[in-house]
Amino acid sequence: MTTSDALQHYARHDPLTHPAGLASLFDALPSGAAALCSVLSGLIVHTSWADKYAIPAGTPLPRDTKPVATRLAEIMERFEGPLATRRAPMQRAFGTCRDFALLICSALRHHGIPARVRCGFATYFAGRRFDDHWICEYWVADEERWAMADAQIDLLQREQLDITFDTADLPAGAYLDAASAWALVRSGQADAEAFGHGDTRGLWFMSVDLHRDLLALANCHMSTWDTWRTAGEGQRKLGPDDLARCDLMSAAVIEYTASCDFAALQDLASRHLLPPWQQVAPAGGQITSRWNTKSQGTSS
């Protein structure tokens, strides 16, 4: 059962969500997720959608994730005015889905609402069934449940993607966090090749997002797992032991998120900070396992 003490971990800022000296920008914003999505979706242009917003060719489109304080400063530098003021696309910052998730997570926490960033797969983007995507979960106190909000989706994207549901309270099945997606595939209810990022599909990439989701739940929203593109072909394979460990991790994440056991999530995350392709064999020896071999039980 979720306790108020546990929820407080997600009502407090972490280093990436803390707005620092620009916190007052959130004061004038509403606390409701739907209203926040309406405002925040107009502050950043997702780099993959730049052409849809008529961003001129050759415009620098940085994709690096930034702390919310840095992002807010950038937003104000491009257009100085209240966040709720409508901005033309070229007056917005450029980023990715994780930046939208961090921004709404920060705004919700500013208003005292428990919120957490999730990594997983969305079903509502054109071309692929389950696309790598980051969103924000927030606590709905009067219903005692977590809801999911996608602050990236504005009116243009709703029309382009023919989205008719509430993106501030995503319906069941519209988005799968990485742990739930892993469990679905491993139970034989979905094809692993339907999940991925661009042309990188399958269980190996799903394991990457499984680790990134775990770390995000422990308020570590950026990690060396983000360097997955640098992994060699030989490092993009999972053996039987790897699959079994990811099965345990998926079950643990599902259990701990349901009970809001932040301490258990932090403990589990602390054992999986370094991906295999970042590990270096000690002098005169070899790493015998590509994964941390410490037990990954499902109880706290």
C-alpha atoms as a PDB file:
ATOM      1  CA  MET A   1       0.000   0.000   0.000  1.00  0.00           C
ATOM      2  CA  THR A   2       1.307   3.442  -0.895  1.00  0.00           C
ATOM      3  CA  THR A   3       2.110   5.571   2.151  1.00  0.00           C
ATOM      4  CA  SER A   4       2.303   9.333   2.452  1.00  0.00           C
ATOM      5  CA  ASP A   5       5.917   9.045   3.613  1.00  0.00           C
ATOM      6  CA  ALA A   6       6.874   7.107   0.488  1.00  0.00           C
ATOM      7  CA  LEU A   7       5.042   9.543  -1.770  1.00  0.00           C
ATOM      8  CA  GLN A   8       7.032  12.431  -0.318  1.00  0.00           C
ATOM      9  CA  HIS A   9      10.134  11.095  -2.068  1.00  0.00           C
ATOM     10  CA  TYR A  10       8.429  11.946  -5.358  1.00  0.00           C
ATOM     11  CA  ALA A  11       7.068  15.271  -4.153  1.00  0.00           C
ATOM     12  CA  ARG A  12      10.600  16.565  -3.521  1.00  0.00           C
ATOM     13  CA  HIS A  13      12.928  17.781  -6.226  1.00  0.00           C
ATOM     14  CA  ASP A  14      16.040  15.911  -7.295  1.00  0.00           C
ATOM     15  CA  PRO A  15      19.071  17.573  -8.936  1.00  0.00           C
ATOM     16  CA  LEU A  16      17.595  17.385 -12.439  1.00  0.00           C
ATOM     17  CA  THR A  17      14.031  18.493 -11.634  1.00  0.00           C
ATOM     18  CA  HIS A  18      14.999  21.333  -9.284  1.00  0.00           C
ATOM     19  CA  PRO A  19      14.149  24.690 -10.929  1.00  0.00           C
ATOM     20  CA  ALA A  20      16.573  26.513  -8.589  1.00  0.00           C
ATOM     21  CA  GLY A  21      16.371  30.302  -8.946  1.00  0.00           C
ATOM     22  CA  LEU A  22      13.684  30.068 -11.631  1.00  0.00           C
ATOM     23  CA  ALA A  23      11.114  28.299  -9.441  1.00  0.00           C
ATOM     24  CA  SER A  24       8.933  31.400  -9.432  1.00  0.00           C
ATOM     25  CA  LEU A  25       8.151  30.773 -13.119  1.00  0.00           C
ATOM     26  CA  PHE A  26       5.987  27.874 -11.973  1.00  0.00           C
ATOM     27  CA  ASP A  27       4.050  29.963  -9.460  1.00  0.00           C
ATOM     28  CA  ALA A  28       1.702  31.378 -12.089  1.00  0.00           C
ATOM     29  CA  LEU A  29       1.022  27.979 -13.658  1.00  0.00           C
ATOM     30  CA  PRO A  30      -1.946  25.795 -12.703  1.00  0.00           C
ATOM     31  CA  SER A  31      -1.310  22.604 -10.756  1.00  0.00           C
ATOM     32  CA  GLY A  32      -3.561  20.378 -12.864  1.00  0.00           C
ATOM     33  CA  ALA A  33      -1.805  17.996 -15.237  1.00  0.00           C
ATOM     34  CA  ALA A  34      -3.999  18.825 -18.237  1.00  0.00           C
ATOM     35  CA  ALA A  35      -3.447  22.572 -17.904  1.00  0.00           C
ATOM     36  CA  LEU A  36       0.277  22.048 -17.363  1.00  0.00           C
ATOM     37  CA  CYS A  37       0.541  19.879 -20.472  1.00  0.00           C
ATOM     38  CA  SER A  38      -1.176  22.605 -22.475  1.00  0.00           C
ATOM     39  CA  VAL A  39       1.426  25.169 -21.381  1.00  0.00           C
ATOM     40  CA  LEU A  40       4.585  23.069 -21.286  1.00  0.00           C
ATOM     41  CA  SER A  41       4.023  21.436 -24.682  1.00  0.00           C
ATOM     42  CA  GLY A  42       4.523  24.914 -26.175  1.00  0.00           C
ATOM     43  CA  LEU A  43       7.942  25.563 -24.631  1.00  0.00           C
ATOM     44  CA  ILE A  44      10.053  22.974 -26.461  1.00  0.00           C
ATOM     45  CA  VAL A  45      10.117  21.643 -30.018  1.00  0.00           C
ATOM     46  CA  HIS A  46      11.033  17.973 -30.212  1.00  0.00           C
ATOM     47  CA  THR A  47      13.983  17.740 -32.589  1.00  0.00           C
ATOM     48  CA  SER A  48      12.415  14.844 -34.503  1.00  0.00           C
ATOM     49  CA  TRP A  49       9.386  17.026 -35.238  1.00  0.00           C
ATOM     50  CA  ALA A  50      11.319  20.137 -36.308  1.00  0.00           C
ATOM     51  CA  ASP A  51      10.197  19.986 -39.949  1.00  0.00           C
ATOM     52  CA  LYS A  52       6.548  19.758 -38.889  1.00  0.00           C
ATOM     53  CA  TYR A  53       6.975  23.108 -37.094  1.00  0.00           C
ATOM     54  CA  ALA A  54       8.659  24.648 -40.152  1.00  0.00           C
ATOM     55  CA  ILE A  55      12.003  25.007 -38.391  1.00  0.00           C
ATOM     56  CA  PRO A  56      14.441  26.174 -41.098  1.00  0.00           C
ATOM     57  CA  ALA A  57      16.890  23.599 -42.426  1.00  0.00           C
ATOM     58  CA  GLY A  58      20.323  23.952 -40.864  1.00  0.00           C
ATOM     59  CA  THR A  59      18.975  25.146 -37.515  1.00  0.00           C
ATOM     60  CA  PRO A  60      21.018  23.524 -34.707  1.00  0.00           C
ATOM     61  CA  LEU A  61      18.837  20.924 -32.991  1.00  0.00           C
ATOM     62  CA  PRO A  62      20.566  19.819 -29.779  1.00  0.00           C
ATOM     63  CA  ARG A  63      19.192  16.622 -28.233  1.00  0.00           C
ATOM     64  CA  ASP A  64      21.105  16.644 -24.965  1.00  0.00           C
ATOM     65  CA  THR A  65      19.008  16.315 -21.814  1.00  0.00           C
ATOM     66  CA  LYS A  66      19.441  19.248 -19.447  1.00  0.00           C
ATOM     67  CA  PRO A  67      18.531  19.961 -15.813  1.00  0.00           C
ATOM     68  CA  VAL A  68      15.208  21.783 -15.547  1.00  0.00           C
ATOM     69  CA  ALA A  69      16.907  24.898 -14.158  1.00  0.00           C
ATOM     70  CA  THR A  70      19.133  25.051 -17.237  1.00  0.00           C
ATOM     71  CA  ARG A  71      16.214  24.313 -19.541  1.00  0.00           C
ATOM     72  CA  LEU A  72      14.086  27.074 -18.009  1.00  0.00           C
ATOM     73  CA  ALA A  73      16.938  29.560 -18.423  1.00  0.00           C
ATOM     74  CA  GLU A  74      17.217  28.544 -22.076  1.00  0.00           C
ATOM     75  CA  ILE A  75      13.462  28.912 -22.568  1.00  0.00           C
ATOM     76  CA  MET A  76      13.546  32.414 -21.093  1.00  0.00           C
ATOM     77  CA  GLU A  77      16.583  33.341 -23.177  1.00  0.00           C
ATOM     78  CA  ARG A  78      14.717  32.464 -26.361  1.00  0.00           C
ATOM     79  CA  PHE A  79      11.578  34.327 -25.293  1.00  0.00           C
ATOM     80  CA  GLU A  80      11.399  36.354 -22.107  1.00  0.00           C
ATOM     81  CA  GLY A  81       7.878  36.246 -20.752  1.00  0.00           C
ATOM     82  CA  PRO A  82       5.515  34.144 -18.617  1.00  0.00           C
ATOM     83  CA  LEU A  83       5.655  30.448 -19.445  1.00  0.00           C
ATOM     84  CA  ALA A  84       1.971  30.495 -20.375  1.00  0.00           C
ATOM     85  CA  THR A  85       2.628  33.023 -23.159  1.00  0.00           C
ATOM     86  CA  ARG A  86       2.235  31.440 -26.570  1.00  0.00           C
ATOM     87  CA  ARG A  87       5.588  31.081 -28.345  1.00  0.00           C
ATOM     88  CA  ALA A  88       6.301  30.651 -32.041  1.00  0.00           C
ATOM     89  CA  PRO A  89       8.282  27.457 -32.778  1.00  0.00           C
ATOM     90  CA  MET A  90      11.555  29.345 -33.307  1.00  0.00           C
ATOM     91  CA  GLN A  91      11.072  31.015 -29.921  1.00  0.00           C
ATOM     92  CA  ARG A  92      11.068  27.649 -28.176  1.00  0.00           C
ATOM     93  CA  ALA A  93      13.927  25.495 -26.949  1.00  0.00           C
ATOM     94  CA  PHE A  94      14.809  22.242 -28.704  1.00  0.00           C
ATOM     95  CA  GLY A  95      14.880  18.894 -26.959  1.00  0.00           C
ATOM     96  CA  THR A  96      13.382  15.424 -26.749  1.00  0.00           C
ATOM     97  CA  CYS A  97      10.582  13.618 -24.934  1.00  0.00           C
ATOM     98  CA  ARG A  98      12.663  13.292 -21.767  1.00  0.00           C
ATOM     99  CA  ASP A  99      12.888  17.087 -21.514  1.00  0.00           C
ATOM    100  CA  PHE A 100       9.094  17.388 -21.585  1.00  0.00           C
ATOM    101  CA  ALA A 101       8.811  14.647 -18.939  1.00  0.00           C
ATOM    102  CA  LEU A 102      11.336  16.360 -16.667  1.00  0.00           C
ATOM    103  CA  LEU A 103       9.661  19.732 -17.110  1.00  0.00           C
ATOM    104  CA  ILE A 104       6.187  18.573 -16.102  1.00  0.00           C
ATOM    105  CA  CYS A 105       7.634  16.438 -13.300  1.00  0.00           C
ATOM    106  CA  SER A 106       9.336  19.565 -11.968  1.00  0.00           C
ATOM    107  CA  ALA A 107       6.199  21.701 -12.256  1.00  0.00           C
ATOM    108  CA  LEU A 108       4.057  19.087 -10.494  1.00  0.00           C
ATOM    109  CA  ARG A 109       6.576  18.706  -7.685  1.00  0.00           C
ATOM    110  CA  HIS A 110       6.718  22.488  -7.367  1.00  0.00           C
ATOM    111  CA  HIS A 111       2.993  22.371  -6.592  1.00  0.00           C
ATOM    112  CA  GLY A 112       3.505  19.574  -4.057  1.00  0.00           C
ATOM    113  CA  ILE A 113       2.190  16.780  -6.285  1.00  0.00           C
ATOM    114  CA  PRO A 114       4.223  13.538  -6.252  1.00  0.00           C
ATOM    115  CA  ALA A 115       5.561  12.870  -9.735  1.00  0.00           C
ATOM    116  CA  ARG A 116       8.159  10.610 -11.318  1.00  0.00           C
ATOM    117  CA  VAL A 117       9.692  10.259 -14.775  1.00  0.00           C
ATOM    118  CA  ARG A 118       9.204   6.951 -16.605  1.00  0.00           C
ATOM    119  CA  CYS A 119      11.032   5.363 -19.526  1.00  0.00           C
ATOM    120  CA  GLY A 120       9.168   2.925 -21.750  1.00  0.00           C
ATOM    121  CA  PHE A 121       7.210   2.636 -24.964  1.00  0.00           C
ATOM    122  CA  ALA A 122       4.344   4.617 -26.481  1.00  0.00           C
ATOM    123  CA  THR A 123       1.793   3.134 -28.879  1.00  0.00           C
ATOM    124  CA  TYR A 124       0.545   6.371 -30.437  1.00  0.00           C
ATOM    125  CA  PHE A 125       3.414   7.380 -32.725  1.00  0.00           C
ATOM    126  CA  ALA A 126       3.125   6.647 -36.434  1.00  0.00           C
ATOM    127  CA  GLY A 127       5.121   3.883 -38.074  1.00  0.00           C
ATOM    128  CA  ARG A 128       5.946   1.644 -35.107  1.00  0.00           C
ATOM    129  CA  ARG A 129       3.858  -0.233 -32.585  1.00  0.00           C
ATOM    130  CA  PHE A 130       5.887   0.503 -29.448  1.00  0.00           C
ATOM    131  CA  ASP A 131       8.291   3.454 -29.656  1.00  0.00           C
ATOM    132  CA  ASP A 132      10.921   4.332 -27.055  1.00  0.00           C
ATOM    133  CA  HIS A 133       9.478   7.276 -25.134  1.00  0.00           C
ATOM    134  CA  TRP A 134       9.636   9.125 -21.803  1.00  0.00           C
ATOM    135  CA  ILE A 135       6.594  10.417 -19.926  1.00  0.00           C
ATOM    136  CA  CYS A 136       5.696  11.497 -16.381  1.00  0.00           C
ATOM    137  CA  GLU A 137       3.579   9.724 -13.787  1.00  0.00           C
ATOM    138  CA  TYR A 138       1.820  11.755 -11.108  1.00  0.00           C
ATOM    139  CA  TRP A 139      -0.203  10.882  -8.043  1.00  0.00           C
ATOM    140  CA  VAL A 140      -3.959  11.474  -8.147  1.00  0.00           C
ATOM    141  CA  ALA A 141      -4.659  11.785  -4.428  1.00  0.00           C
ATOM    142  CA  ASP A 142      -8.450  11.582  -4.407  1.00  0.00           C
ATOM    143  CA  GLU A 143      -8.358   8.411  -6.512  1.00  0.00           C
ATOM    144  CA  GLU A 144      -5.214   6.960  -4.883  1.00  0.00           C
ATOM    145  CA  ARG A 145      -3.598   6.044  -8.185  1.00  0.00           C
ATOM    146  CA  TRP A 146      -0.753   6.985 -10.485  1.00  0.00           C
ATOM    147  CA  ALA A 147      -1.728   8.634 -13.771  1.00  0.00           C
ATOM    148  CA  MET A 148       0.478   9.170 -16.827  1.00  0.00           C
ATOM    149  CA  ALA A 149       0.944  12.481 -18.644  1.00  0.00           C
ATOM    150  CA  ASP A 150       2.716  13.133 -21.942  1.00  0.00           C
ATOM    151  CA  ALA A 151       3.565  16.846 -22.011  1.00  0.00           C
ATOM    152  CA  GLN A 152       5.117  16.580 -25.485  1.00  0.00           C
ATOM    153  CA  ILE A 153       1.819  16.173 -27.306  1.00  0.00           C
ATOM    154  CA  ASP A 154       0.439  19.551 -28.424  1.00  0.00           C
ATOM    155  CA  LEU A 155      -2.413  20.329 -30.821  1.00  0.00           C
ATOM    156  CA  LEU A 156      -0.225  19.884 -33.908  1.00  0.00           C
ATOM    157  CA  GLN A 157       0.915  16.430 -32.820  1.00  0.00           C
ATOM    158  CA  ARG A 158      -2.601  15.433 -31.754  1.00  0.00           C
ATOM    159  CA  GLU A 159      -3.800  16.209 -35.273  1.00  0.00           C
ATOM    160  CA  GLN A 160      -0.824  14.596 -37.025  1.00  0.00           C
ATOM    161  CA  LEU A 161      -1.118  11.410 -34.942  1.00  0.00           C
ATOM    162  CA  ASP A 162      -4.924  11.406 -34.790  1.00  0.00           C
ATOM    163  CA  ILE A 163      -4.868  11.213 -30.999  1.00  0.00           C
ATOM    164  CA  THR A 164      -8.324  11.424 -29.445  1.00  0.00           C
ATOM    165  CA  PHE A 165      -7.608  10.373 -25.846  1.00  0.00           C
ATOM    166  CA  ASP A 166      -6.509  12.515 -22.902  1.00  0.00           C
ATOM    167  CA  THR A 167      -2.712  12.797 -23.028  1.00  0.00           C
ATOM    168  CA  ALA A 168      -2.698  14.229 -19.498  1.00  0.00           C
ATOM    169  CA  ASP A 169      -4.180  10.954 -18.217  1.00  0.00           C
ATOM    170  CA  LEU A 170      -3.125   8.298 -20.701  1.00  0.00           C
ATOM    171  CA  PRO A 171      -5.527   5.358 -20.998  1.00  0.00           C
ATOM    172  CA  ALA A 172      -4.423   1.814 -20.208  1.00  0.00           C
ATOM    173  CA  GLY A 173      -2.320   0.377 -23.008  1.00  0.00           C
ATOM    174  CA  ALA A 174      -1.387   3.688 -24.611  1.00  0.00           C
ATOM    175  CA  TYR A 175       1.968   3.636 -22.854  1.00  0.00           C
ATOM    176  CA  LEU A 176       3.920   0.789 -21.278  1.00  0.00           C
ATOM    177  CA  ASP A 177       6.720   1.482 -18.823  1.00  0.00           C
ATOM    178  CA  ALA A 178       9.803  -0.574 -19.637  1.00  0.00           C
ATOM    179  CA  ALA A 179       9.295  -3.064 -16.788  1.00  0.00           C
ATOM    180  CA  SER A 180       5.726  -3.816 -17.842  1.00  0.00           C
ATOM    181  CA  ALA A 181       6.766  -4.049 -21.494  1.00  0.00           C
ATOM    182  CA  TRP A 182       9.500  -6.552 -20.612  1.00  0.00           C
ATOM    183  CA  ALA A 183       7.052  -8.691 -18.631  1.00  0.00           C
ATOM    184  CA  LEU A 184       4.535  -8.602 -21.495  1.00  0.00           C
ATOM    185  CA  VAL A 185       7.083  -9.809 -24.036  1.00  0.00           C
ATOM    186  CA  ARG A 186       8.587 -12.464 -21.792  1.00  0.00           C
ATOM    187  CA  SER A 187       5.120 -13.884 -21.092  1.00  0.00           C
ATOM    188  CA  GLY A 188       4.634 -14.353 -24.837  1.00  0.00           C
ATOM    189  CA  GLN A 189       1.904 -11.726 -25.172  1.00  0.00           C
ATOM    190  CA  ALA A 190       3.871  -9.398 -27.469  1.00  0.00           C
ATOM    191  CA  ASP A 191       6.715  -9.554 -29.994  1.00  0.00           C
ATOM    192  CA  ALA A 192      10.001  -8.050 -28.784  1.00  0.00           C
ATOM    193  CA  GLU A 193      10.736  -6.751 -32.296  1.00  0.00           C
ATOM    194  CA  ALA A 194       7.763  -4.393 -31.962  1.00  0.00           C
ATOM    195  CA  PHE A 195       9.637  -2.481 -29.229  1.00  0.00           C
ATOM    196  CA  GLY A 196      12.578  -0.189 -29.820  1.00  0.00           C
ATOM    197  CA  HIS A 197      14.082   3.068 -30.997  1.00  0.00           C
ATOM    198  CA  GLY A 198      14.243   3.576 -34.754  1.00  0.00           C
ATOM    199  CA  ASP A 199      15.832   0.507 -36.306  1.00  0.00           C
ATOM    200  CA  THR A 200      17.152  -0.761 -32.970  1.00  0.00           C
ATOM    201  CA  ARG A 201      14.527  -3.244 -31.842  1.00  0.00           C
ATOM    202  CA  GLY A 202      14.126  -6.296 -29.657  1.00  0.00           C
ATOM    203  CA  LEU A 203      15.033  -7.581 -26.218  1.00  0.00           C
ATOM    204  CA  TRP A 204      18.470  -5.995 -26.047  1.00  0.00           C
ATOM    205  CA  PHE A 205      17.092  -2.478 -26.437  1.00  0.00           C
ATOM    206  CA  MET A 206      14.231  -3.349 -24.107  1.00  0.00           C
ATOM    207  CA  SER A 207      16.828  -4.259 -21.480  1.00  0.00           C
ATOM    208  CA  VAL A 208      18.411  -0.827 -21.953  1.00  0.00           C
ATOM    209  CA  ASP A 209      15.100   0.903 -21.275  1.00  0.00           C
ATOM    210  CA  LEU A 210      14.414  -1.443 -18.368  1.00  0.00           C
ATOM    211  CA  HIS A 211      17.568  -0.165 -16.679  1.00  0.00           C
ATOM    212  CA  ARG A 212      16.858   3.459 -17.581  1.00  0.00           C
ATOM    213  CA  ASP A 213      13.352   3.177 -16.155  1.00  0.00           C
ATOM    214  CA  LEU A 214      14.677   1.699 -12.916  1.00  0.00           C
ATOM    215  CA  LEU A 215      17.225   4.488 -12.569  1.00  0.00           C
ATOM    216  CA  ALA A 216      14.623   7.171 -13.334  1.00  0.00           C
ATOM    217  CA  LEU A 217      12.397   5.755 -10.593  1.00  0.00           C
ATOM    218  CA  ALA A 218      15.331   6.265  -8.248  1.00  0.00           C
ATOM    219  CA  ASN A 219      15.533   9.902  -9.446  1.00  0.00           C
ATOM    220  CA  CYS A 220      18.552   9.231 -11.663  1.00  0.00           C
ATOM    221  CA  HIS A 221      17.174  10.522 -14.967  1.00  0.00           C
ATOM    222  CA  MET A 222      20.458  10.494 -16.879  1.00  0.00           C
ATOM    223  CA  SER A 223      23.000   7.676 -16.806  1.00  0.00           C
ATOM    224  CA  THR A 224      25.628   5.864 -18.843  1.00  0.00           C
ATOM    225  CA  TRP A 225      22.823   3.630 -20.108  1.00  0.00           C
ATOM    226  CA  ASP A 226      22.030   6.603 -22.365  1.00  0.00           C
ATOM    227  CA  THR A 227      25.192   5.748 -24.318  1.00  0.00           C
ATOM    228  CA  TRP A 228      23.541   2.625 -25.778  1.00  0.00           C
ATOM    229  CA  ARG A 229      24.336   3.772 -29.315  1.00  0.00           C
ATOM    230  CA  THR A 230      28.062   3.211 -28.606  1.00  0.00           C
ATOM    231  CA  ALA A 231      27.601  -0.479 -27.772  1.00  0.00           C
ATOM    232  CA  GLY A 232      29.297  -2.795 -30.257  1.00  0.00           C
ATOM    233  CA  GLU A 233      27.394  -5.429 -32.185  1.00  0.00           C
ATOM    234  CA  GLY A 234      28.806  -8.166 -29.979  1.00  0.00           C
ATOM    235  CA  GLN A 235      27.557  -6.344 -26.886  1.00  0.00           C
ATOM    236  CA  ARG A 236      23.987  -6.176 -28.166  1.00  0.00           C
ATOM    237  CA  LYS A 237      23.112  -9.729 -27.230  1.00  0.00           C
ATOM    238  CA  LEU A 238      21.473 -11.259 -24.184  1.00  0.00           C
ATOM    239  CA  GLY A 239      22.288 -14.734 -22.936  1.00  0.00           C
ATOM    240  CA  PRO A 240      20.074 -16.950 -20.742  1.00  0.00           C
ATOM    241  CA  ASP A 241      21.554 -15.499 -17.534  1.00  0.00           C
ATOM    242  CA  ASP A 242      20.983 -11.941 -18.784  1.00  0.00           C
ATOM    243  CA  LEU A 243      17.364 -12.715 -19.585  1.00  0.00           C
ATOM    244  CA  ALA A 244      16.804 -14.293 -16.176  1.00  0.00           C
ATOM    245  CA  ARG A 245      18.290 -11.269 -14.395  1.00  0.00           C
ATOM    246  CA  CYS A 246      16.141  -8.870 -16.411  1.00  0.00           C
ATOM    247  CA  ASP A 247      13.099 -10.996 -15.569  1.00  0.00           C
ATOM    248  CA  LEU A 248      13.888 -10.540 -11.872  1.00  0.00           C
ATOM    249  CA  MET A 249      14.507  -6.832 -12.330  1.00  0.00           C
ATOM    250  CA  SER A 250      11.234  -6.328 -14.198  1.00  0.00           C
ATOM    251  CA  ALA A 251       9.265  -8.139 -11.474  1.00  0.00           C
ATOM    252  CA  ALA A 252      11.018  -6.126  -8.762  1.00  0.00           C
ATOM    253  CA  VAL A 253      10.374  -2.778 -10.467  1.00  0.00           C
ATOM    254  CA  ILE A 254       6.692  -3.628 -10.936  1.00  0.00           C
ATOM    255  CA  GLU A 255       6.395  -4.637  -7.285  1.00  0.00           C
ATOM    256  CA  TYR A 256       8.323  -1.692  -5.869  1.00  0.00           C
ATOM    257  CA  THR A 257       6.546   0.914  -8.006  1.00  0.00           C
ATOM    258  CA  ALA A 258       3.150  -0.470  -7.016  1.00  0.00           C
ATOM    259  CA  SER A 259       4.059  -0.196  -3.323  1.00  0.00           C
ATOM    260  CA  CYS A 260       6.018   3.052  -3.845  1.00  0.00           C
ATOM    261  CA  ASP A 261       9.020   1.465  -2.102  1.00  0.00           C
ATOM    262  CA  PHE A 262      11.525   4.180  -2.949  1.00  0.00           C
ATOM    263  CA  ALA A 263      14.284   2.738  -0.736  1.00  0.00           C
ATOM    264  CA  ALA A 264      14.085  -0.633  -2.492  1.00  0.00           C
ATOM    265  CA  LEU A 265      14.168   1.051  -5.903  1.00  0.00           C
ATOM    266  CA  GLN A 266      17.227   3.063  -4.909  1.00  0.00           C
ATOM    267  CA  ASP A 267      18.972  -0.054  -3.643  1.00  0.00           C
ATOM    268  CA  LEU A 268      18.238  -1.987  -6.818  1.00  0.00           C
ATOM    269  CA  ALA A 269      19.256   0.943  -9.016  1.00  0.00           C
ATOM    270  CA  SER A 270      22.557   1.365  -7.176  1.00  0.00           C
ATOM    271  CA  ARG A 271      23.602  -2.100  -8.403  1.00  0.00           C
ATOM    272  CA  HIS A 272      22.942  -1.330 -12.068  1.00  0.00           C
ATOM    273  CA  LEU A 273      24.547   2.031 -12.736  1.00  0.00           C
ATOM    274  CA  LEU A 274      27.057   0.813 -15.318  1.00  0.00           C
ATOM    275  CA  PRO A 275      26.060  -0.874 -18.612  1.00  0.00           C
ATOM    276  CA  PRO A 276      28.147  -3.742 -20.011  1.00  0.00           C
ATOM    277  CA  TRP A 277      29.741  -1.671 -22.779  1.00  0.00           C
ATOM    278  CA  GLN A 278      31.055   0.791 -20.164  1.00  0.00           C
ATOM    279  CA  GLN A 279      32.683  -1.863 -18.018  1.00  0.00           C
ATOM    280  CA  VAL A 280      36.454  -2.250 -18.119  1.00  0.00           C
ATOM    281  CA  ALA A 281      38.187  -5.488 -17.192  1.00  0.00           C
ATOM    282  CA  PRO A 282      40.614  -5.181 -14.272  1.00  0.00           C
ATOM    283  CA  ALA A 283      44.342  -5.361 -15.059  1.00  0.00           C
ATOM    284  CA  GLY A 284      45.369  -8.949 -15.682  1.00  0.00           C
ATOM    285  CA  GLY A 285      41.807 -10.262 -15.610  1.00  0.00           C
ATOM    286  CA  GLN A 286      38.477 -10.387 -17.362  1.00  0.00           C
ATOM    287  CA  ILE A 287      34.969  -9.513 -16.372  1.00  0.00           C
ATOM    288  CA  THR A 288      33.221 -12.860 -16.042  1.00  0.00           C
ATOM    289  CA  SER A 289      29.695 -11.464 -16.224  1.00  0.00           C
ATOM    290  CA  ARG A 290      28.322  -8.571 -18.250  1.00  0.00           C
ATOM    291  CA  TRP A 291      25.865  -7.820 -15.444  1.00  0.00           C
ATOM    292  CA  ASN A 292      26.082  -7.152 -11.752  1.00  0.00           C
ATOM    293  CA  THR A 293      25.863 -10.578 -10.136  1.00  0.00           C
ATOM    294  CA  LYS A 294      24.480  -9.440  -6.793  1.00  0.00           C
ATOM    295  CA  SER A 295      21.093 -10.956  -5.992  1.00  0.00           C
ATOM    296  CA  GLN A 296      18.090  -9.103  -7.374  1.00  0.00           C
ATOM    297  CA  GLY A 297      15.297 -10.369  -5.165  1.00  0.00           C
ATOM    298  CA  THR A 298      11.806  -8.957  -5.459  1.00  0.00           C
ATOM    299  CA  SER A 299      11.402  -8.099  -1.794  1.00  0.00           C
ATOM    300  CA  SER A 300      12.738  -4.982  -0.093  1.00  0.00           C
END
